[in-house]
Amino acid sequence: MAAAETFLLPVGTGFRFCLLHRPPAGTPARAAVVVAPPFAEELNKSRRMIALTARQLADEGCVVLEADGHGCGDSSGDFADATWDDWIEDVVRAQRWLAERFDAPQWIWGVRAGALLACAALREVAAAGLLLWQPIVSGRQHLAAFLRVATAGALLREGAEPASVKSLLARLQSGEHVDVAGYSVAPAVARGLDAARVELPAVFRGRIACLEVTSAGAPTPAVVAAADAWARDGRVVALRAVSGPSFWQTTEIEVAPDLIAATAAMLREPAA
């Protein structure tokens, strides 16, 4: 039976809380996967899906490492003090820790905005594959969508000062923190997210497995365009759409069983 263990990974004067999923005892690891997590509340909504999938992958011989970033979950620090570069370095650090201990093909698993972190991490670490769930293609668009939550909230609060995405961006650019849905977003996070795109470094020639949950029966046009560009560049890309709820944004915690099954199947496929 697969097992899971928690530990604290030292980082300077702080630590990162880690959850490591291992294959059954005596089973050699056939892949080592580190999670690049989604942004803000999407991480909380996605935790159950990530954990269930990690357990499934561990049952099938994969090692999976979940590590909370600076100021996130049970790691040290405050969300308000984090930077986008901190979170990239957290993914890099976790992947290096995994690579030092498990002699198996290394994968980075980017969930939503974690796809942006994963692509940035690939500039510093080597990986055999990139697994993407519902990847955010443009950090700028994702930041604007997140800030719209604050503008909507202001409309519902009596006496609240009206705000627009433009005005919130201006405050961030001037060095001010902005509160959105209980998260104090630092200017350094906003700048990094705003500039981030799902772009792969030239040195990365590993496999790309990309999955989207959609009711349309096909991946979204932006992700199709990104996958087509990677394929034209000579990379091995598998892009699939599955049915299920948008678990990263639903009010209640939801599960998409088809996504779990499809993920396990894609990592089961032999290298081309």
C-alpha atoms as a PDB file:
ATOM      1  CA  MET A   1       0.000   0.000   0.000  1.00  0.00           C
ATOM      2  CA  ALA A   2       1.205   3.485  -0.834  1.00  0.00           C
ATOM      3  CA  ALA A   3       2.224   5.641   2.122  1.00  0.00           C
ATOM      4  CA  ALA A   4       2.345   9.367   2.871  1.00  0.00           C
ATOM      5  CA  GLU A   5       4.555  11.295   5.250  1.00  0.00           C
ATOM      6  CA  THR A   6       4.895  14.927   6.225  1.00  0.00           C
ATOM      7  CA  PHE A   7       8.078  16.843   6.939  1.00  0.00           C
ATOM      8  CA  LEU A   8       9.405  20.396   7.151  1.00  0.00           C
ATOM      9  CA  LEU A   9      11.960  21.405   4.523  1.00  0.00           C
ATOM     10  CA  PRO A  10      14.303  24.076   5.997  1.00  0.00           C
ATOM     11  CA  VAL A  11      14.466  27.356   4.058  1.00  0.00           C
ATOM     12  CA  GLY A  12      16.660  30.055   5.603  1.00  0.00           C
ATOM     13  CA  THR A  13      15.179  30.789   9.019  1.00  0.00           C
ATOM     14  CA  GLY A  14      11.846  29.230   8.020  1.00  0.00           C
ATOM     15  CA  PHE A  15      10.498  26.063   6.460  1.00  0.00           C
ATOM     16  CA  ARG A  16       8.203  24.659   3.796  1.00  0.00           C
ATOM     17  CA  PHE A  17       5.572  22.148   4.835  1.00  0.00           C
ATOM     18  CA  CYS A  18       5.813  19.043   2.631  1.00  0.00           C
ATOM     19  CA  LEU A  19       3.646  15.988   2.027  1.00  0.00           C
ATOM     20  CA  LEU A  20       5.407  13.096   0.311  1.00  0.00           C
ATOM     21  CA  HIS A  21       3.446  10.250  -1.276  1.00  0.00           C
ATOM     22  CA  ARG A  22       5.503   7.052  -1.718  1.00  0.00           C
ATOM     23  CA  PRO A  23       4.800   3.869  -3.698  1.00  0.00           C
ATOM     24  CA  PRO A  24       4.127   0.613  -1.817  1.00  0.00           C
ATOM     25  CA  ALA A  25       7.130  -0.744   0.082  1.00  0.00           C
ATOM     26  CA  GLY A  26       9.589  -2.518  -2.165  1.00  0.00           C
ATOM     27  CA  THR A  27       8.256  -0.852  -5.327  1.00  0.00           C
ATOM     28  CA  PRO A  28      10.921   1.106  -7.222  1.00  0.00           C
ATOM     29  CA  ALA A  29       9.845   4.603  -8.195  1.00  0.00           C
ATOM     30  CA  ARG A  30       9.050   4.860 -11.894  1.00  0.00           C
ATOM     31  CA  ALA A  31       8.564   8.653 -11.746  1.00  0.00           C
ATOM     32  CA  ALA A  32       9.164  11.468  -9.257  1.00  0.00           C
ATOM     33  CA  VAL A  33       6.623  14.287  -9.431  1.00  0.00           C
ATOM     34  CA  VAL A  34       6.689  17.660  -7.682  1.00  0.00           C
ATOM     35  CA  VAL A  35       3.554  19.815  -7.545  1.00  0.00           C
ATOM     36  CA  ALA A  36       3.636  23.467  -8.622  1.00  0.00           C
ATOM     37  CA  PRO A  37       0.484  24.689  -6.843  1.00  0.00           C
ATOM     38  CA  PRO A  38      -2.272  27.066  -7.946  1.00  0.00           C
ATOM     39  CA  PHE A  39      -2.675  30.626  -6.701  1.00  0.00           C
ATOM     40  CA  ALA A  40      -4.492  31.813  -3.567  1.00  0.00           C
ATOM     41  CA  GLU A  41      -7.938  30.311  -2.933  1.00  0.00           C
ATOM     42  CA  GLU A  42      -7.651  28.010  -5.954  1.00  0.00           C
ATOM     43  CA  LEU A  43      -5.046  26.070  -3.975  1.00  0.00           C
ATOM     44  CA  ASN A  44      -7.505  25.389  -1.158  1.00  0.00           C
ATOM     45  CA  LYS A  45     -10.192  24.333  -3.629  1.00  0.00           C
ATOM     46  CA  SER A  46      -7.738  22.022  -5.437  1.00  0.00           C
ATOM     47  CA  ARG A  47      -6.067  20.331  -2.466  1.00  0.00           C
ATOM     48  CA  ARG A  48      -8.412  17.338  -2.356  1.00  0.00           C
ATOM     49  CA  MET A  49      -8.068  16.672  -6.092  1.00  0.00           C
ATOM     50  CA  ILE A  50      -4.278  16.954  -5.892  1.00  0.00           C
ATOM     51  CA  ALA A  51      -4.143  14.638  -2.872  1.00  0.00           C
ATOM     52  CA  LEU A  52      -6.434  12.006  -4.421  1.00  0.00           C
ATOM     53  CA  THR A  53      -4.437  12.025  -7.645  1.00  0.00           C
ATOM     54  CA  ALA A  54      -1.128  11.875  -5.777  1.00  0.00           C
ATOM     55  CA  ARG A  55      -2.357   8.788  -3.919  1.00  0.00           C
ATOM     56  CA  GLN A  56      -3.421   7.158  -7.181  1.00  0.00           C
ATOM     57  CA  LEU A  57      -0.046   7.902  -8.754  1.00  0.00           C
ATOM     58  CA  ALA A  58       1.753   6.565  -5.678  1.00  0.00           C
ATOM     59  CA  ASP A  59      -0.281   3.347  -5.879  1.00  0.00           C
ATOM     60  CA  GLU A  60       1.042   3.010  -9.433  1.00  0.00           C
ATOM     61  CA  GLY A  61       4.686   3.508  -8.492  1.00  0.00           C
ATOM     62  CA  CYS A  62       5.198   7.270  -8.569  1.00  0.00           C
ATOM     63  CA  VAL A  63       6.654   9.450  -5.828  1.00  0.00           C
ATOM     64  CA  VAL A  64       4.727  12.724  -5.486  1.00  0.00           C
ATOM     65  CA  LEU A  65       5.842  15.726  -3.424  1.00  0.00           C
ATOM     66  CA  GLU A  66       3.430  18.479  -2.400  1.00  0.00           C
ATOM     67  CA  ALA A  67       5.190  21.488  -0.872  1.00  0.00           C
ATOM     68  CA  ASP A  68       3.365  24.587   0.372  1.00  0.00           C
ATOM     69  CA  GLY A  69       5.030  27.767  -0.844  1.00  0.00           C
ATOM     70  CA  HIS A  70       6.189  30.746   1.206  1.00  0.00           C
ATOM     71  CA  GLY A  71       3.246  32.037   3.243  1.00  0.00           C
ATOM     72  CA  CYS A  72       0.897  29.346   1.942  1.00  0.00           C
ATOM     73  CA  GLY A  73      -0.792  26.526   3.821  1.00  0.00           C
ATOM     74  CA  ASP A  74       1.325  25.340   6.732  1.00  0.00           C
ATOM     75  CA  SER A  75       4.633  26.800   5.537  1.00  0.00           C
ATOM     76  CA  SER A  76       6.373  29.616   7.397  1.00  0.00           C
ATOM     77  CA  GLY A  77       5.967  33.255   6.472  1.00  0.00           C
ATOM     78  CA  ASP A  78       2.966  35.364   5.536  1.00  0.00           C
ATOM     79  CA  PHE A  79       1.227  35.414   2.183  1.00  0.00           C
ATOM     80  CA  ALA A  80       1.548  39.204   2.209  1.00  0.00           C
ATOM     81  CA  ASP A  81       5.354  38.943   2.373  1.00  0.00           C
ATOM     82  CA  ALA A  82       5.774  36.405  -0.428  1.00  0.00           C
ATOM     83  CA  THR A  83       7.069  37.190  -3.904  1.00  0.00           C
ATOM     84  CA  TRP A  84       6.494  35.436  -7.209  1.00  0.00           C
ATOM     85  CA  ASP A  85      10.203  34.571  -7.303  1.00  0.00           C
ATOM     86  CA  ASP A  86       9.881  32.988  -3.836  1.00  0.00           C
ATOM     87  CA  TRP A  87       7.281  30.588  -5.205  1.00  0.00           C
ATOM     88  CA  ILE A  88       9.349  29.740  -8.269  1.00  0.00           C
ATOM     89  CA  GLU A  89      12.300  28.990  -6.004  1.00  0.00           C
ATOM     90  CA  ASP A  90      10.067  26.841  -3.790  1.00  0.00           C
ATOM     91  CA  VAL A  91       9.230  24.649  -6.798  1.00  0.00           C
ATOM     92  CA  VAL A  92      12.899  24.491  -7.800  1.00  0.00           C
ATOM     93  CA  ARG A  93      13.958  23.594  -4.244  1.00  0.00           C
ATOM     94  CA  ALA A  94      11.314  20.858  -3.978  1.00  0.00           C
ATOM     95  CA  GLN A  95      12.277  19.366  -7.338  1.00  0.00           C
ATOM     96  CA  ARG A  96      15.960  19.303  -6.413  1.00  0.00           C
ATOM     97  CA  TRP A  97      15.161  17.646  -3.085  1.00  0.00           C
ATOM     98  CA  LEU A  98      13.187  14.971  -4.929  1.00  0.00           C
ATOM     99  CA  ALA A  99      15.843  14.422  -7.605  1.00  0.00           C
ATOM    100  CA  GLU A 100      18.556  13.929  -4.987  1.00  0.00           C
ATOM    101  CA  ARG A 101      16.607  11.121  -3.323  1.00  0.00           C
ATOM    102  CA  PHE A 102      14.783   9.297  -6.115  1.00  0.00           C
ATOM    103  CA  ASP A 103      16.528   8.021  -9.227  1.00  0.00           C
ATOM    104  CA  ALA A 104      13.520   8.195 -11.530  1.00  0.00           C
ATOM    105  CA  PRO A 105      12.266  10.400 -14.372  1.00  0.00           C
ATOM    106  CA  GLN A 106      11.469  13.812 -12.890  1.00  0.00           C
ATOM    107  CA  TRP A 107       8.141  15.549 -13.576  1.00  0.00           C
ATOM    108  CA  ILE A 108       6.768  18.943 -12.573  1.00  0.00           C
ATOM    109  CA  TRP A 109       2.988  19.058 -12.158  1.00  0.00           C
ATOM    110  CA  GLY A 110       1.581  22.546 -12.643  1.00  0.00           C
ATOM    111  CA  VAL A 111      -1.994  23.129 -11.502  1.00  0.00           C
ATOM    112  CA  ARG A 112      -3.712  26.259 -12.870  1.00  0.00           C
ATOM    113  CA  ALA A 113      -1.314  29.193 -12.168  1.00  0.00           C
ATOM    114  CA  GLY A 114       1.149  26.552 -11.036  1.00  0.00           C
ATOM    115  CA  ALA A 115       1.743  25.984 -14.751  1.00  0.00           C
ATOM    116  CA  LEU A 116       3.368  29.420 -14.843  1.00  0.00           C
ATOM    117  CA  LEU A 117       5.578  28.521 -11.872  1.00  0.00           C
ATOM    118  CA  ALA A 118       6.459  25.186 -13.460  1.00  0.00           C
ATOM    119  CA  CYS A 119       7.580  26.772 -16.729  1.00  0.00           C
ATOM    120  CA  ALA A 120       9.722  29.269 -14.841  1.00  0.00           C
ATOM    121  CA  ALA A 121      11.231  26.489 -12.695  1.00  0.00           C
ATOM    122  CA  LEU A 122      12.260  24.590 -15.836  1.00  0.00           C
ATOM    123  CA  ARG A 123      14.791  27.338 -16.522  1.00  0.00           C
ATOM    124  CA  GLU A 124      16.711  26.149 -13.448  1.00  0.00           C
ATOM    125  CA  VAL A 125      16.051  22.414 -13.167  1.00  0.00           C
ATOM    126  CA  ALA A 126      15.965  19.461 -15.538  1.00  0.00           C
ATOM    127  CA  ALA A 127      12.782  17.433 -15.872  1.00  0.00           C
ATOM    128  CA  ALA A 128      11.703  14.534 -18.042  1.00  0.00           C
ATOM    129  CA  GLY A 129       8.144  15.743 -18.206  1.00  0.00           C
ATOM    130  CA  LEU A 130       5.671  18.516 -17.538  1.00  0.00           C
ATOM    131  CA  LEU A 131       2.165  17.661 -16.341  1.00  0.00           C
ATOM    132  CA  LEU A 132      -0.356  20.486 -16.610  1.00  0.00           C
ATOM    133  CA  TRP A 133      -3.858  20.715 -15.192  1.00  0.00           C
ATOM    134  CA  GLN A 134      -6.108  23.456 -16.538  1.00  0.00           C
ATOM    135  CA  PRO A 135      -3.051  25.639 -17.184  1.00  0.00           C
ATOM    136  CA  ILE A 136      -3.219  29.414 -16.991  1.00  0.00           C
ATOM    137  CA  VAL A 137      -1.655  30.658 -20.228  1.00  0.00           C
ATOM    138  CA  SER A 138      -1.492  34.356 -19.339  1.00  0.00           C
ATOM    139  CA  GLY A 139      -0.607  35.532 -15.847  1.00  0.00           C
ATOM    140  CA  ARG A 140      -1.860  39.004 -16.700  1.00  0.00           C
ATOM    141  CA  GLN A 141      -5.353  37.728 -17.446  1.00  0.00           C
ATOM    142  CA  HIS A 142      -5.331  35.573 -14.326  1.00  0.00           C
ATOM    143  CA  LEU A 143      -4.335  38.538 -12.154  1.00  0.00           C
ATOM    144  CA  ALA A 144      -7.088  40.693 -13.650  1.00  0.00           C
ATOM    145  CA  ALA A 145      -9.663  37.952 -13.025  1.00  0.00           C
ATOM    146  CA  PHE A 146      -8.479  37.650  -9.429  1.00  0.00           C
ATOM    147  CA  LEU A 147      -8.698  41.403  -8.855  1.00  0.00           C
ATOM    148  CA  ARG A 148     -12.245  41.423 -10.234  1.00  0.00           C
ATOM    149  CA  VAL A 149     -13.175  39.434  -7.124  1.00  0.00           C
ATOM    150  CA  ALA A 150     -12.212  42.494  -5.062  1.00  0.00           C
ATOM    151  CA  THR A 151     -14.240  44.852  -7.222  1.00  0.00           C
ATOM    152  CA  ALA A 152     -17.285  42.588  -6.956  1.00  0.00           C
ATOM    153  CA  GLY A 153     -16.851  42.359  -3.196  1.00  0.00           C
ATOM    154  CA  ALA A 154     -16.713  46.143  -2.870  1.00  0.00           C
ATOM    155  CA  LEU A 155     -20.058  46.442  -4.648  1.00  0.00           C
ATOM    156  CA  LEU A 156     -21.665  44.139  -2.088  1.00  0.00           C
ATOM    157  CA  ARG A 157     -20.308  45.936   0.982  1.00  0.00           C
ATOM    158  CA  GLU A 158     -22.261  48.936   2.167  1.00  0.00           C
ATOM    159  CA  GLY A 159     -20.038  51.989   2.411  1.00  0.00           C
ATOM    160  CA  ALA A 160     -17.123  50.301   0.626  1.00  0.00           C
ATOM    161  CA  GLU A 161     -15.061  52.470  -1.679  1.00  0.00           C
ATOM    162  CA  PRO A 162     -15.729  51.655  -5.354  1.00  0.00           C
ATOM    163  CA  ALA A 163     -12.799  50.012  -7.088  1.00  0.00           C
ATOM    164  CA  SER A 164     -11.878  48.856 -10.550  1.00  0.00           C
ATOM    165  CA  VAL A 165      -9.262  46.414 -11.789  1.00  0.00           C
ATOM    166  CA  LYS A 166      -7.384  49.391 -13.226  1.00  0.00           C
ATOM    167  CA  SER A 167      -7.332  51.228  -9.902  1.00  0.00           C
ATOM    168  CA  LEU A 168      -6.232  48.105  -8.019  1.00  0.00           C
ATOM    169  CA  LEU A 169      -3.413  47.536 -10.509  1.00  0.00           C
ATOM    170  CA  ALA A 170      -2.348  51.140 -10.043  1.00  0.00           C
ATOM    171  CA  ARG A 171      -2.185  50.649  -6.284  1.00  0.00           C
ATOM    172  CA  LEU A 172      -0.069  47.541  -6.718  1.00  0.00           C
ATOM    173  CA  GLN A 173       2.239  49.315  -9.142  1.00  0.00           C
ATOM    174  CA  SER A 174       2.714  52.116  -6.619  1.00  0.00           C
ATOM    175  CA  GLY A 175       3.927  49.592  -4.040  1.00  0.00           C
ATOM    176  CA  GLU A 176       0.713  49.136  -2.074  1.00  0.00           C
ATOM    177  CA  HIS A 177      -0.693  45.782  -0.963  1.00  0.00           C
ATOM    178  CA  VAL A 178      -4.241  44.960  -2.097  1.00  0.00           C
ATOM    179  CA  ASP A 179      -6.680  42.782  -0.147  1.00  0.00           C
ATOM    180  CA  VAL A 180      -8.654  40.314  -2.261  1.00  0.00           C
ATOM    181  CA  ALA A 181     -10.955  37.689  -0.739  1.00  0.00           C
ATOM    182  CA  GLY A 182      -8.913  37.504   2.447  1.00  0.00           C
ATOM    183  CA  TYR A 183      -5.508  37.526   0.717  1.00  0.00           C
ATOM    184  CA  SER A 184      -3.124  40.462   1.001  1.00  0.00           C
ATOM    185  CA  VAL A 185      -1.461  40.518  -2.413  1.00  0.00           C
ATOM    186  CA  ALA A 186       2.029  41.985  -2.468  1.00  0.00           C
ATOM    187  CA  PRO A 187       3.235  44.156  -5.375  1.00  0.00           C
ATOM    188  CA  ALA A 188       6.079  41.665  -5.968  1.00  0.00           C
ATOM    189  CA  VAL A 189       3.562  38.837  -6.437  1.00  0.00           C
ATOM    190  CA  ALA A 190       1.411  40.943  -8.754  1.00  0.00           C
ATOM    191  CA  ARG A 191       4.411  41.974 -10.891  1.00  0.00           C
ATOM    192  CA  GLY A 192       5.602  38.409 -11.260  1.00  0.00           C
ATOM    193  CA  LEU A 193       2.170  37.021 -12.054  1.00  0.00           C
ATOM    194  CA  ASP A 194       1.444  39.839 -14.492  1.00  0.00           C
ATOM    195  CA  ALA A 195       4.606  39.064 -16.488  1.00  0.00           C
ATOM    196  CA  ALA A 196       4.265  35.273 -16.415  1.00  0.00           C
ATOM    197  CA  ARG A 197       3.259  33.184 -19.409  1.00  0.00           C
ATOM    198  CA  VAL A 198       3.237  29.481 -20.192  1.00  0.00           C
ATOM    199  CA  GLU A 199       6.439  29.555 -22.214  1.00  0.00           C
ATOM    200  CA  LEU A 200       8.962  26.731 -22.150  1.00  0.00           C
ATOM    201  CA  PRO A 201      12.725  27.302 -22.093  1.00  0.00           C
ATOM    202  CA  ALA A 202      14.513  26.102 -25.216  1.00  0.00           C
ATOM    203  CA  VAL A 203      16.512  23.554 -23.218  1.00  0.00           C
ATOM    204  CA  PHE A 204      13.385  21.695 -22.138  1.00  0.00           C
ATOM    205  CA  ARG A 205      12.719  18.782 -24.481  1.00  0.00           C
ATOM    206  CA  GLY A 206      10.705  16.567 -22.136  1.00  0.00           C
ATOM    207  CA  ARG A 207       7.216  15.210 -22.538  1.00  0.00           C
ATOM    208  CA  ILE A 208       4.205  17.457 -21.973  1.00  0.00           C
ATOM    209  CA  ALA A 209       0.952  15.987 -20.686  1.00  0.00           C
ATOM    210  CA  CYS A 210      -1.827  18.569 -20.529  1.00  0.00           C
ATOM    211  CA  LEU A 211      -5.353  17.941 -19.268  1.00  0.00           C
ATOM    212  CA  GLU A 212      -8.391  20.182 -19.044  1.00  0.00           C
ATOM    213  CA  VAL A 213     -11.782  19.680 -17.432  1.00  0.00           C
ATOM    214  CA  THR A 214     -14.406  21.067 -19.773  1.00  0.00           C
ATOM    215  CA  SER A 215     -18.072  20.622 -20.595  1.00  0.00           C
ATOM    216  CA  ALA A 216     -17.371  21.495 -24.223  1.00  0.00           C
ATOM    217  CA  GLY A 217     -15.679  18.183 -24.923  1.00  0.00           C
ATOM    218  CA  ALA A 218     -12.524  19.873 -26.191  1.00  0.00           C
ATOM    219  CA  PRO A 219      -9.655  21.855 -24.655  1.00  0.00           C
ATOM    220  CA  THR A 220      -9.895  25.652 -24.577  1.00  0.00           C
ATOM    221  CA  PRO A 221      -8.541  27.541 -27.610  1.00  0.00           C
ATOM    222  CA  ALA A 222      -5.720  29.214 -25.647  1.00  0.00           C
ATOM    223  CA  VAL A 223      -4.385  25.886 -24.428  1.00  0.00           C
ATOM    224  CA  VAL A 224      -4.766  24.321 -27.879  1.00  0.00           C
ATOM    225  CA  ALA A 225      -2.726  27.194 -29.333  1.00  0.00           C
ATOM    226  CA  ALA A 226       0.018  26.693 -26.728  1.00  0.00           C
ATOM    227  CA  ALA A 227       0.098  22.936 -27.339  1.00  0.00           C
ATOM    228  CA  ASP A 228       0.250  23.437 -31.106  1.00  0.00           C
ATOM    229  CA  ALA A 229       3.187  25.818 -30.698  1.00  0.00           C
ATOM    230  CA  TRP A 230       5.049  23.290 -28.543  1.00  0.00           C
ATOM    231  CA  ALA A 231       4.393  20.530 -31.077  1.00  0.00           C
ATOM    232  CA  ARG A 232       5.647  22.709 -33.951  1.00  0.00           C
ATOM    233  CA  ASP A 233       8.814  23.209 -31.914  1.00  0.00           C
ATOM    234  CA  GLY A 234       9.364  19.470 -31.954  1.00  0.00           C
ATOM    235  CA  ARG A 235       8.139  18.650 -28.452  1.00  0.00           C
ATOM    236  CA  VAL A 236       6.079  15.594 -27.562  1.00  0.00           C
ATOM    237  CA  VAL A 237       2.670  16.889 -26.448  1.00  0.00           C
ATOM    238  CA  ALA A 238      -0.424  14.999 -25.308  1.00  0.00           C
ATOM    239  CA  LEU A 239      -3.506  17.191 -24.834  1.00  0.00           C
ATOM    240  CA  ARG A 240      -6.773  15.776 -23.540  1.00  0.00           C
ATOM    241  CA  ALA A 241     -10.117  17.052 -22.292  1.00  0.00           C
ATOM    242  CA  VAL A 242     -12.185  15.228 -19.682  1.00  0.00           C
ATOM    243  CA  SER A 243     -15.566  15.833 -18.124  1.00  0.00           C
ATOM    244  CA  GLY A 244     -16.042  16.957 -14.555  1.00  0.00           C
ATOM    245  CA  PRO A 245     -16.643  19.956 -12.286  1.00  0.00           C
ATOM    246  CA  SER A 246     -14.445  23.049 -12.196  1.00  0.00           C
ATOM    247  CA  PHE A 247     -13.136  21.974  -8.793  1.00  0.00           C
ATOM    248  CA  TRP A 248     -10.665  24.873  -8.488  1.00  0.00           C
ATOM    249  CA  GLN A 249     -13.502  27.419  -8.318  1.00  0.00           C
ATOM    250  CA  THR A 250     -16.636  25.618  -7.081  1.00  0.00           C
ATOM    251  CA  THR A 251     -18.275  26.756  -3.851  1.00  0.00           C
ATOM    252  CA  GLU A 252     -18.058  23.279  -2.339  1.00  0.00           C
ATOM    253  CA  ILE A 253     -15.027  20.995  -2.604  1.00  0.00           C
ATOM    254  CA  GLU A 254     -15.563  18.890  -5.724  1.00  0.00           C
ATOM    255  CA  VAL A 255     -13.849  15.862  -7.254  1.00  0.00           C
ATOM    256  CA  ALA A 256     -13.305  15.057 -10.945  1.00  0.00           C
ATOM    257  CA  PRO A 257     -12.706  11.273 -11.109  1.00  0.00           C
ATOM    258  CA  ASP A 258     -12.157  11.302 -14.884  1.00  0.00           C
ATOM    259  CA  LEU A 259      -9.270  13.739 -14.441  1.00  0.00           C
ATOM    260  CA  ILE A 260      -7.608  11.468 -11.878  1.00  0.00           C
ATOM    261  CA  ALA A 261      -7.922   8.469 -14.180  1.00  0.00           C
ATOM    262  CA  ALA A 262      -6.681  10.385 -17.233  1.00  0.00           C
ATOM    263  CA  THR A 263      -3.682  11.743 -15.316  1.00  0.00           C
ATOM    264  CA  ALA A 264      -2.632   8.292 -14.156  1.00  0.00           C
ATOM    265  CA  ALA A 265      -3.058   6.951 -17.694  1.00  0.00           C
ATOM    266  CA  MET A 266      -0.899   9.687 -19.215  1.00  0.00           C
ATOM    267  CA  LEU A 267       1.934   9.101 -16.748  1.00  0.00           C
ATOM    268  CA  ARG A 268       1.636   5.377 -17.444  1.00  0.00           C
ATOM    269  CA  GLU A 269       2.409   5.907 -21.126  1.00  0.00           C
ATOM    270  CA  PRO A 270       5.974   4.986 -22.118  1.00  0.00           C
ATOM    271  CA  ALA A 271       8.328   7.709 -23.277  1.00  0.00           C
ATOM    272  CA  ALA A 272       8.264   8.254 -27.033  1.00  0.00           C
END
